[in-house]
PDB file of N, CA and C in Angstrom:
ATOM      1  N   MET A   1       0.769  -0.981   0.017  1.00  0.00           N
ATOM      2  CA  MET A   1      -0.112   0.067   0.137  1.00  0.00           C
ATOM      3  C   MET A   1       1.037   1.139   0.196  1.00  0.00           C
ATOM      4  N   MET A   2       0.161   2.301  -0.622  1.00  0.00           N
ATOM      5  CA  MET A   2       1.013   3.452  -0.875  1.00  0.00           C
ATOM      6  C   MET A   2       0.278   4.765   0.024  1.00  0.00           C
ATOM      7  N   VAL A   3       0.716   5.336   0.714  1.00  0.00           N
ATOM      8  CA  VAL A   3       0.028   6.613   1.118  1.00  0.00           C
ATOM      9  C   VAL A   3       0.198   7.803  -0.176  1.00  0.00           C
ATOM     10  N   LYS A   4      -1.244   8.268  -0.617  1.00  0.00           N
ATOM     11  CA  LYS A   4      -1.328   9.238  -1.670  1.00  0.00           C
ATOM     12  C   LYS A   4      -1.908  10.371  -1.112  1.00  0.00           C
ATOM     13  N   GLY A   5      -2.357  10.335   0.094  1.00  0.00           N
ATOM     14  CA  GLY A   5      -2.904  11.724   0.719  1.00  0.00           C
ATOM     15  C   GLY A   5      -3.566  11.531   1.944  1.00  0.00           C
ATOM     16  N   PRO A   6      -4.118  12.275   2.536  1.00  0.00           N
ATOM     17  CA  PRO A   6      -4.739  12.190   4.064  1.00  0.00           C
ATOM     18  C   PRO A   6      -5.833  11.228   4.149  1.00  0.00           C
ATOM     19  N   ARG A   7      -6.423  10.890   3.032  1.00  0.00           N
ATOM     20  CA  ARG A   7      -7.510   9.854   3.156  1.00  0.00           C
ATOM     21  C   ARG A   7      -7.386   9.104   1.881  1.00  0.00           C
ATOM     22  N   LYS A   8      -6.342   8.932   1.266  1.00  0.00           N
ATOM     23  CA  LYS A   8      -6.099   8.202   0.068  1.00  0.00           C
ATOM     24  C   LYS A   8      -4.987   7.099   0.032  1.00  0.00           C
ATOM     25  N   LEU A   9      -5.180   5.899  -0.079  1.00  0.00           N
ATOM     26  CA  LEU A   9      -4.056   5.076  -0.248  1.00  0.00           C
ATOM     27  C   LEU A   9      -4.100   4.425  -1.890  1.00  0.00           C
ATOM     28  N   GLY A  10      -3.067   3.720  -2.013  1.00  0.00           N
ATOM     29  CA  GLY A  10      -2.992   3.226  -3.436  1.00  0.00           C
ATOM     30  C   GLY A  10      -2.521   1.715  -3.306  1.00  0.00           C
ATOM     31  N   ALA A  11      -2.974   0.841  -4.022  1.00  0.00           N
ATOM     32  CA  ALA A  11      -2.597  -0.753  -3.955  1.00  0.00           C
ATOM     33  C   ALA A  11      -2.315  -1.095  -5.270  1.00  0.00           C
ATOM     34  N   SER A  12      -1.220  -1.843  -5.818  1.00  0.00           N
ATOM     35  CA  SER A  12      -0.964  -2.592  -6.844  1.00  0.00           C
ATOM     36  C   SER A  12      -1.710  -3.796  -7.092  1.00  0.00           C
ATOM     37  N   LEU A  13      -2.444  -3.876  -8.024  1.00  0.00           N
ATOM     38  CA  LEU A  13      -3.385  -5.151  -8.387  1.00  0.00           C
ATOM     39  C   LEU A  13      -2.391  -5.816  -9.416  1.00  0.00           C
ATOM     40  N   HIS A  14      -1.769  -6.798  -9.085  1.00  0.00           N
ATOM     41  CA  HIS A  14      -1.271  -7.563 -10.052  1.00  0.00           C
ATOM     42  C   HIS A  14      -2.045  -8.278 -10.871  1.00  0.00           C
ATOM     43  N   SER A  15      -1.789  -8.366 -12.409  1.00  0.00           N
ATOM     44  CA  SER A  15      -2.582  -8.921 -13.288  1.00  0.00           C
ATOM     45  C   SER A  15      -2.888 -10.577 -12.952  1.00  0.00           C
ATOM     46  N   ARG A  16      -2.110 -11.168 -12.326  1.00  0.00           N
ATOM     47  CA  ARG A  16      -2.038 -12.727 -12.247  1.00  0.00           C
ATOM     48  C   ARG A  16      -2.542 -12.962 -10.786  1.00  0.00           C
ATOM     49  N   ARG A  17      -2.946 -12.259  -9.993  1.00  0.00           N
ATOM     50  CA  ARG A  17      -3.404 -12.453  -8.734  1.00  0.00           C
ATOM     51  C   ARG A  17      -4.794 -11.810  -8.544  1.00  0.00           C
ATOM     52  N   ARG A  18      -5.576 -12.577  -7.558  1.00  0.00           N
ATOM     53  CA  ARG A  18      -6.932 -12.645  -7.290  1.00  0.00           C
ATOM     54  C   ARG A  18      -7.635 -11.321  -7.295  1.00  0.00           C
ATOM     55  N   MET A  19      -7.120 -10.136  -6.585  1.00  0.00           N
ATOM     56  CA  MET A  19      -7.375  -8.823  -6.454  1.00  0.00           C
ATOM     57  C   MET A  19      -7.703  -8.356  -7.653  1.00  0.00           C
ATOM     58  N   PHE A  20      -7.015  -8.453  -8.543  1.00  0.00           N
ATOM     59  CA  PHE A  20      -7.084  -7.714  -9.826  1.00  0.00           C
ATOM     60  C   PHE A  20      -8.336  -8.393 -10.512  1.00  0.00           C
ATOM     61  N   GLU A  21      -8.589  -9.873 -10.452  1.00  0.00           N
ATOM     62  CA  GLU A  21      -9.660 -10.385 -11.187  1.00  0.00           C
ATOM     63  C   GLU A  21     -11.011 -10.046 -10.128  1.00  0.00           C
ATOM     64  N   TYR A  22     -10.920  -9.764  -8.938  1.00  0.00           N
ATOM     65  CA  TYR A  22     -12.245  -9.070  -8.139  1.00  0.00           C
ATOM     66  C   TYR A  22     -12.343  -7.898  -9.005  1.00  0.00           C
ATOM     67  N   PHE A  23     -11.347  -6.942  -9.028  1.00  0.00           N
ATOM     68  CA  PHE A  23     -11.434  -5.603  -9.493  1.00  0.00           C
ATOM     69  C   PHE A  23     -12.197  -5.625 -10.898  1.00  0.00           C
ATOM     70  N   ARG A  24     -11.542  -6.461 -11.688  1.00  0.00           N
ATOM     71  CA  ARG A  24     -12.089  -6.613 -13.352  1.00  0.00           C
ATOM     72  C   ARG A  24     -13.521  -7.057 -12.939  1.00  0.00           C
ATOM     73  N   ARG A  25     -14.156  -7.770 -12.221  1.00  0.00           N
ATOM     74  CA  ARG A  25     -15.408  -8.392 -12.105  1.00  0.00           C
ATOM     75  C   ARG A  25     -16.417  -7.213 -11.685  1.00  0.00           C
ATOM     76  N   ALA A  26     -15.955  -6.395 -10.693  1.00  0.00           N
ATOM     77  CA  ALA A  26     -16.721  -5.343 -10.098  1.00  0.00           C
ATOM     78  C   ALA A  26     -16.967  -4.377 -11.102  1.00  0.00           C
ATOM     79  N   GLU A  27     -15.795  -4.177 -11.927  1.00  0.00           N
ATOM     80  CA  GLU A  27     -15.749  -3.039 -12.884  1.00  0.00           C
ATOM     81  C   GLU A  27     -16.739  -3.400 -13.989  1.00  0.00           C
ATOM     82  N   ALA A  28     -16.742  -4.734 -14.443  1.00  0.00           N
ATOM     83  CA  ALA A  28     -17.520  -5.154 -15.408  1.00  0.00           C
ATOM     84  C   ALA A  28     -19.058  -5.248 -15.127  1.00  0.00           C
ATOM     85  N   GLN A  29     -19.512  -4.989 -13.966  1.00  0.00           N
ATOM     86  CA  GLN A  29     -20.758  -5.166 -13.410  1.00  0.00           C
ATOM     87  C   GLN A  29     -21.026  -3.547 -13.020  1.00  0.00           C
ATOM     88  N   GLY A  30     -20.305  -2.692 -13.057  1.00  0.00           N
ATOM     89  CA  GLY A  30     -20.352  -1.333 -12.832  1.00  0.00           C
ATOM     90  C   GLY A  30     -20.636  -0.902 -11.419  1.00  0.00           C
ATOM     91  N   ARG A  31     -19.737  -1.726 -10.657  1.00  0.00           N
ATOM     92  CA  ARG A  31     -20.041  -1.361  -9.119  1.00  0.00           C
ATOM     93  C   ARG A  31     -18.649  -1.186  -8.661  1.00  0.00           C
ATOM     94  N   PRO A  32     -18.515  -0.600  -7.474  1.00  0.00           N
ATOM     95  CA  PRO A  32     -16.983  -0.469  -6.721  1.00  0.00           C
ATOM     96  C   PRO A  32     -16.658  -1.677  -6.207  1.00  0.00           C
ATOM     97  N   LEU A  33     -15.317  -1.985  -6.238  1.00  0.00           N
ATOM     98  CA  LEU A  33     -14.781  -2.962  -5.558  1.00  0.00           C
ATOM     99  C   LEU A  33     -14.489  -2.643  -3.972  1.00  0.00           C
ATOM    100  N   GLU A  34     -15.222  -3.572  -3.098  1.00  0.00           N
ATOM    101  CA  GLU A  34     -15.121  -3.064  -1.822  1.00  0.00           C
ATOM    102  C   GLU A  34     -13.762  -3.932  -1.212  1.00  0.00           C
ATOM    103  N   ALA A  35     -13.209  -3.467  -0.254  1.00  0.00           N
ATOM    104  CA  ALA A  35     -11.918  -3.970   0.409  1.00  0.00           C
ATOM    105  C   ALA A  35     -11.768  -3.484   1.677  1.00  0.00           C
ATOM    106  N   ALA A  36     -10.912  -4.372   2.198  1.00  0.00           N
ATOM    107  CA  ALA A  36     -10.679  -3.944   3.731  1.00  0.00           C
ATOM    108  C   ALA A  36      -9.371  -4.313   4.105  1.00  0.00           C
ATOM    109  N   VAL A  37      -8.403  -3.442   4.540  1.00  0.00           N
ATOM    110  CA  VAL A  37      -7.121  -3.636   4.924  1.00  0.00           C
ATOM    111  C   VAL A  37      -7.146  -3.956   6.689  1.00  0.00           C
ATOM    112  N   VAL A  38      -6.404  -5.065   6.945  1.00  0.00           N
ATOM    113  CA  VAL A  38      -6.460  -5.429   8.400  1.00  0.00           C
ATOM    114  C   VAL A  38      -5.134  -5.166   8.877  1.00  0.00           C
ATOM    115  N   ILE A  39      -5.042  -4.312   9.882  1.00  0.00           N
ATOM    116  CA  ILE A  39      -3.723  -3.906  10.450  1.00  0.00           C
ATOM    117  C   ILE A  39      -3.753  -4.382  11.901  1.00  0.00           C
ATOM    118  N   GLY A  40      -2.741  -5.209  12.372  1.00  0.00           N
ATOM    119  CA  GLY A  40      -2.684  -5.468  13.858  1.00  0.00           C
ATOM    120  C   GLY A  40      -3.465  -6.974  14.276  1.00  0.00           C
ATOM    121  N   ALA A  41      -3.319  -7.811  13.066  1.00  0.00           N
ATOM    122  CA  ALA A  41      -4.074  -9.232  13.321  1.00  0.00           C
ATOM    123  C   ALA A  41      -2.813 -10.199  13.973  1.00  0.00           C
ATOM    124  N   HIS A  42      -3.472 -11.294  14.246  1.00  0.00           N
ATOM    125  CA  HIS A  42      -2.575 -12.388  14.795  1.00  0.00           C
ATOM    126  C   HIS A  42      -1.394 -12.676  13.697  1.00  0.00           C
ATOM    127  N   PRO A  43      -0.406 -13.087  14.213  1.00  0.00           N
ATOM    128  CA  PRO A  43       0.584 -13.671  13.039  1.00  0.00           C
ATOM    129  C   PRO A  43      -0.179 -14.667  12.252  1.00  0.00           C
ATOM    130  N   LEU A  44      -0.819 -15.625  12.900  1.00  0.00           N
ATOM    131  CA  LEU A  44      -1.285 -16.602  11.956  1.00  0.00           C
ATOM    132  C   LEU A  44      -2.221 -16.292  10.983  1.00  0.00           C
ATOM    133  N   ILE A  45      -2.708 -14.932  10.826  1.00  0.00           N
ATOM    134  CA  ILE A  45      -3.943 -14.337  10.052  1.00  0.00           C
ATOM    135  C   ILE A  45      -2.812 -13.837   8.638  1.00  0.00           C
ATOM    136  N   SER A  46      -1.736 -13.382   9.221  1.00  0.00           N
ATOM    137  CA  SER A  46      -0.686 -12.900   8.182  1.00  0.00           C
ATOM    138  C   SER A  46      -0.115 -14.234   7.279  1.00  0.00           C
ATOM    139  N   MET A  47       0.087 -15.028   8.334  1.00  0.00           N
ATOM    140  CA  MET A  47       0.772 -16.408   7.324  1.00  0.00           C
ATOM    141  C   MET A  47      -0.396 -16.928   6.345  1.00  0.00           C
ATOM    142  N   ALA A  48      -1.862 -16.890   6.806  1.00  0.00           N
ATOM    143  CA  ALA A  48      -2.788 -17.460   5.971  1.00  0.00           C
ATOM    144  C   ALA A  48      -2.813 -16.358   4.843  1.00  0.00           C
ATOM    145  N   ALA A  49      -2.807 -15.075   5.104  1.00  0.00           N
ATOM    146  CA  ALA A  49      -3.074 -14.184   4.033  1.00  0.00           C
ATOM    147  C   ALA A  49      -1.800 -14.207   2.828  1.00  0.00           C
ATOM    148  N   ILE A  50      -0.623 -14.756   2.895  1.00  0.00           N
ATOM    149  CA  ILE A  50       0.218 -14.939   1.949  1.00  0.00           C
ATOM    150  C   ILE A  50       0.263 -16.230   1.326  1.00  0.00           C
ATOM    151  N   SER A  51      -0.656 -17.181   1.983  1.00  0.00           N
ATOM    152  CA  SER A  51      -0.843 -18.473   1.175  1.00  0.00           C
ATOM    153  C   SER A  51      -1.471 -18.363  -0.021  1.00  0.00           C
ATOM    154  N   TYR A  52      -1.560 -19.223  -0.859  1.00  0.00           N
ATOM    155  CA  TYR A  52      -2.257 -19.024  -2.257  1.00  0.00           C
ATOM    156  C   TYR A  52      -2.955 -20.525  -2.385  1.00  0.00           C
ATOM    157  N   PRO A  53      -4.220 -20.591  -1.699  1.00  0.00           N
ATOM    158  CA  PRO A  53      -5.055 -21.816  -1.629  1.00  0.00           C
ATOM    159  C   PRO A  53      -5.870 -21.715  -2.868  1.00  0.00           C
ATOM    160  N   PRO A  54      -6.540 -22.804  -3.328  1.00  0.00           N
ATOM    161  CA  PRO A  54      -7.486 -22.810  -4.474  1.00  0.00           C
ATOM    162  C   PRO A  54      -8.499 -21.928  -4.560  1.00  0.00           C
ATOM    163  N   VAL A  55      -8.861 -21.379  -5.688  1.00  0.00           N
ATOM    164  CA  VAL A  55      -9.818 -20.337  -5.988  1.00  0.00           C
ATOM    165  C   VAL A  55     -11.138 -20.184  -4.829  1.00  0.00           C
ATOM    166  N   ASP A  56     -11.620 -21.601  -4.826  1.00  0.00           N
ATOM    167  CA  ASP A  56     -12.799 -21.825  -3.853  1.00  0.00           C
ATOM    168  C   ASP A  56     -12.427 -21.846  -2.279  1.00  0.00           C
ATOM    169  N   ALA A  57     -11.437 -21.822  -1.823  1.00  0.00           N
ATOM    170  CA  ALA A  57     -10.927 -21.718  -0.556  1.00  0.00           C
ATOM    171  C   ALA A  57     -10.732 -20.367  -0.154  1.00  0.00           C
ATOM    172  N   ASP A  58     -11.283 -20.078   1.043  1.00  0.00           N
ATOM    173  CA  ASP A  58     -11.182 -18.866   1.935  1.00  0.00           C
ATOM    174  C   ASP A  58      -9.813 -18.805   2.714  1.00  0.00           C
ATOM    175  N   LYS A  59      -9.234 -17.758   2.719  1.00  0.00           N
ATOM    176  CA  LYS A  59      -7.746 -17.725   3.370  1.00  0.00           C
ATOM    177  C   LYS A  59      -8.095 -17.846   4.886  1.00  0.00           C
ATOM    178  N   PHE A  60      -9.478 -17.379   5.348  1.00  0.00           N
ATOM    179  CA  PHE A  60      -9.697 -17.563   6.617  1.00  0.00           C
ATOM    180  C   PHE A  60      -9.784 -18.840   7.078  1.00  0.00           C
ATOM    181  N   HIS A  61     -10.212 -19.631   6.189  1.00  0.00           N
ATOM    182  CA  HIS A  61     -10.407 -21.042   6.543  1.00  0.00           C
ATOM    183  C   HIS A  61      -8.966 -21.550   6.708  1.00  0.00           C
ATOM    184  N   VAL A  62      -7.947 -21.186   5.949  1.00  0.00           N
ATOM    185  CA  VAL A  62      -6.684 -21.678   6.036  1.00  0.00           C
ATOM    186  C   VAL A  62      -6.197 -21.120   7.715  1.00  0.00           C
ATOM    187  N   ALA A  63      -6.532 -19.883   7.852  1.00  0.00           N
ATOM    188  CA  ALA A  63      -6.098 -19.185   9.054  1.00  0.00           C
ATOM    189  C   ALA A  63      -6.798 -20.184  10.216  1.00  0.00           C
ATOM    190  N   GLY A  64      -8.117 -20.562   9.918  1.00  0.00           N
ATOM    191  CA  GLY A  64      -8.592 -21.345  10.954  1.00  0.00           C
ATOM    192  C   GLY A  64      -7.923 -22.745  11.233  1.00  0.00           C
ATOM    193  N   GLY A  65      -7.251 -23.268  10.016  1.00  0.00           N
ATOM    194  CA  GLY A  65      -6.633 -24.426  10.253  1.00  0.00           C
ATOM    195  C   GLY A  65      -5.440 -24.352  10.970  1.00  0.00           C
ATOM    196  N   LEU A  66      -4.784 -23.170  10.907  1.00  0.00           N
ATOM    197  CA  LEU A  66      -3.562 -22.847  11.307  1.00  0.00           C
ATOM    198  C   LEU A  66      -4.022 -22.549  13.181  1.00  0.00           C
ATOM    199  N   PHE A  67      -4.899 -22.240  13.510  1.00  0.00           N
ATOM    200  CA  PHE A  67      -5.325 -21.571  14.795  1.00  0.00           C
ATOM    201  C   PHE A  67      -5.910 -23.085  15.460  1.00  0.00           C
ATOM    202  N   GLY A  68      -6.598 -24.072  14.706  1.00  0.00           N
ATOM    203  CA  GLY A  68      -7.072 -25.158  15.092  1.00  0.00           C
ATOM    204  C   GLY A  68      -8.577 -24.848  15.580  1.00  0.00           C
ATOM    205  N   GLU A  69      -9.189 -23.843  15.064  1.00  0.00           N
ATOM    206  CA  GLU A  69     -10.498 -23.414  15.291  1.00  0.00           C
ATOM    207  C   GLU A  69     -10.937 -22.303  14.187  1.00  0.00           C
ATOM    208  N   PRO A  70     -12.415 -22.061  14.020  1.00  0.00           N
ATOM    209  CA  PRO A  70     -12.627 -21.072  13.158  1.00  0.00           C
ATOM    210  C   PRO A  70     -11.992 -19.529  13.676  1.00  0.00           C
ATOM    211  N   VAL A  71     -11.838 -18.745  12.752  1.00  0.00           N
ATOM    212  CA  VAL A  71     -11.545 -17.496  13.060  1.00  0.00           C
ATOM    213  C   VAL A  71     -12.802 -16.544  13.127  1.00  0.00           C
ATOM    214  N   GLU A  72     -13.085 -15.896  14.295  1.00  0.00           N
ATOM    215  CA  GLU A  72     -14.098 -14.903  14.389  1.00  0.00           C
ATOM    216  C   GLU A  72     -14.268 -13.828  13.762  1.00  0.00           C
ATOM    217  N   MET A  73     -15.306 -13.775  12.933  1.00  0.00           N
ATOM    218  CA  MET A  73     -15.319 -12.484  11.900  1.00  0.00           C
ATOM    219  C   MET A  73     -16.597 -11.668  12.195  1.00  0.00           C
ATOM    220  N   VAL A  74     -16.452 -10.294  11.679  1.00  0.00           N
ATOM    221  CA  VAL A  74     -17.330  -9.411  11.806  1.00  0.00           C
ATOM    222  C   VAL A  74     -17.530  -8.731  10.635  1.00  0.00           C
ATOM    223  N   ARG A  75     -18.705  -8.084  10.201  1.00  0.00           N
ATOM    224  CA  ARG A  75     -18.829  -7.274   9.236  1.00  0.00           C
ATOM    225  C   ARG A  75     -18.245  -5.928   9.519  1.00  0.00           C
ATOM    226  N   CYS A  76     -17.677  -5.285   8.233  1.00  0.00           N
ATOM    227  CA  CYS A  76     -17.335  -4.072   8.532  1.00  0.00           C
ATOM    228  C   CYS A  76     -18.211  -3.063   8.547  1.00  0.00           C
ATOM    229  N   ARG A  77     -17.950  -1.511   8.965  1.00  0.00           N
ATOM    230  CA  ARG A  77     -19.123  -0.725   9.305  1.00  0.00           C
ATOM    231  C   ARG A  77     -19.715  -0.078   8.194  1.00  0.00           C
ATOM    232  N   THR A  78     -18.791   0.255   7.244  1.00  0.00           N
ATOM    233  CA  THR A  78     -19.237   0.948   6.120  1.00  0.00           C
ATOM    234  C   THR A  78     -19.347  -0.033   4.621  1.00  0.00           C
ATOM    235  N   ILE A  79     -18.776  -1.514   4.434  1.00  0.00           N
ATOM    236  CA  ILE A  79     -18.879  -1.977   3.386  1.00  0.00           C
ATOM    237  C   ILE A  79     -19.454  -3.274   3.633  1.00  0.00           C
ATOM    238  N   ASP A  80     -19.703  -4.133   2.786  1.00  0.00           N
ATOM    239  CA  ASP A  80     -20.115  -5.542   2.946  1.00  0.00           C
ATOM    240  C   ASP A  80     -19.084  -6.414   2.944  1.00  0.00           C
ATOM    241  N   VAL A  81     -18.123  -6.519   3.787  1.00  0.00           N
ATOM    242  CA  VAL A  81     -16.584  -7.191   3.828  1.00  0.00           C
ATOM    243  C   VAL A  81     -16.905  -7.718   5.351  1.00  0.00           C
ATOM    244  N   THR A  82     -16.317  -9.024   5.339  1.00  0.00           N
ATOM    245  CA  THR A  82     -15.961  -9.387   6.970  1.00  0.00           C
ATOM    246  C   THR A  82     -14.384  -9.312   7.028  1.00  0.00           C
ATOM    247  N   VAL A  83     -14.012  -9.249   8.480  1.00  0.00           N
ATOM    248  CA  VAL A  83     -12.585  -9.013   8.838  1.00  0.00           C
ATOM    249  C   VAL A  83     -12.886  -9.911  10.146  1.00  0.00           C
ATOM    250  N   PRO A  84     -11.253 -10.033  10.550  1.00  0.00           N
ATOM    251  CA  PRO A  84     -11.319 -10.931  11.956  1.00  0.00           C
ATOM    252  C   PRO A  84     -11.752 -10.062  13.022  1.00  0.00           C
ATOM    253  N   ARG A  85     -12.439 -10.659  13.966  1.00  0.00           N
ATOM    254  CA  ARG A  85     -12.987  -9.684  15.012  1.00  0.00           C
ATOM    255  C   ARG A  85     -12.081  -8.814  15.764  1.00  0.00           C
ATOM    256  N   TRP A  86     -10.736  -9.575  16.129  1.00  0.00           N
ATOM    257  CA  TRP A  86      -9.707  -9.006  17.036  1.00  0.00           C
ATOM    258  C   TRP A  86      -8.725  -8.137  16.377  1.00  0.00           C
ATOM    259  N   ALA A  87      -8.947  -7.605  15.071  1.00  0.00           N
ATOM    260  CA  ALA A  87      -8.000  -7.019  14.315  1.00  0.00           C
ATOM    261  C   ALA A  87      -7.993  -5.414  15.273  1.00  0.00           C
ATOM    262  N   GLU A  88      -6.863  -5.000  15.164  1.00  0.00           N
ATOM    263  CA  GLU A  88      -6.463  -3.689  15.825  1.00  0.00           C
ATOM    264  C   GLU A  88      -7.055  -2.436  14.914  1.00  0.00           C
ATOM    265  N   ILE A  89      -6.760  -2.594  13.851  1.00  0.00           N
ATOM    266  CA  ILE A  89      -7.138  -1.389  12.957  1.00  0.00           C
ATOM    267  C   ILE A  89      -7.873  -1.977  11.578  1.00  0.00           C
ATOM    268  N   VAL A  90      -8.995  -1.416  10.896  1.00  0.00           N
ATOM    269  CA  VAL A  90      -9.539  -1.864   9.749  1.00  0.00           C
ATOM    270  C   VAL A  90      -9.752  -0.722   8.826  1.00  0.00           C
ATOM    271  N   ILE A  91      -9.120  -0.473   7.678  1.00  0.00           N
ATOM    272  CA  ILE A  91      -9.158   0.437   6.812  1.00  0.00           C
ATOM    273  C   ILE A  91     -10.303  -0.103   5.815  1.00  0.00           C
ATOM    274  N   GLU A  92     -11.283   0.650   5.606  1.00  0.00           N
ATOM    275  CA  GLU A  92     -12.610  -0.058   4.723  1.00  0.00           C
ATOM    276  C   GLU A  92     -12.564   1.154   3.437  1.00  0.00           C
ATOM    277  N   ALA A  93     -12.609   0.513   2.218  1.00  0.00           N
ATOM    278  CA  ALA A  93     -12.409   1.153   1.125  1.00  0.00           C
ATOM    279  C   ALA A  93     -13.337   0.738  -0.040  1.00  0.00           C
ATOM    280  N   ALA A  94     -13.765   1.247  -0.951  1.00  0.00           N
ATOM    281  CA  ALA A  94     -14.461   1.071  -2.031  1.00  0.00           C
ATOM    282  C   ALA A  94     -13.519   1.948  -3.196  1.00  0.00           C
ATOM    283  N   PHE A  95     -13.179   1.011  -4.400  1.00  0.00           N
ATOM    284  CA  PHE A  95     -12.514   1.729  -5.676  1.00  0.00           C
ATOM    285  C   PHE A  95     -12.797   1.151  -6.905  1.00  0.00           C
TER     286      PHE A  95
END
């Protein structure tokens, strides 16, 4: 992520990764892509985040496997995205 202003961040969407595909689909439907950046999560969440499971697998299920129990999730306040309940900071965005 790159800070571009007081209320603006930039992200690189690599063409061979899933965020690019999610962005492409949202754009084709004429809607913004909603995303959340989680800061201050448990290290096992970070380990799961860098994994590359099959398309139909959720990275939070991977994290749950590492924990040995499901990760407790909550809905964001301004977008329809869920994040780990115990995150210290969540940045919500639509682009």
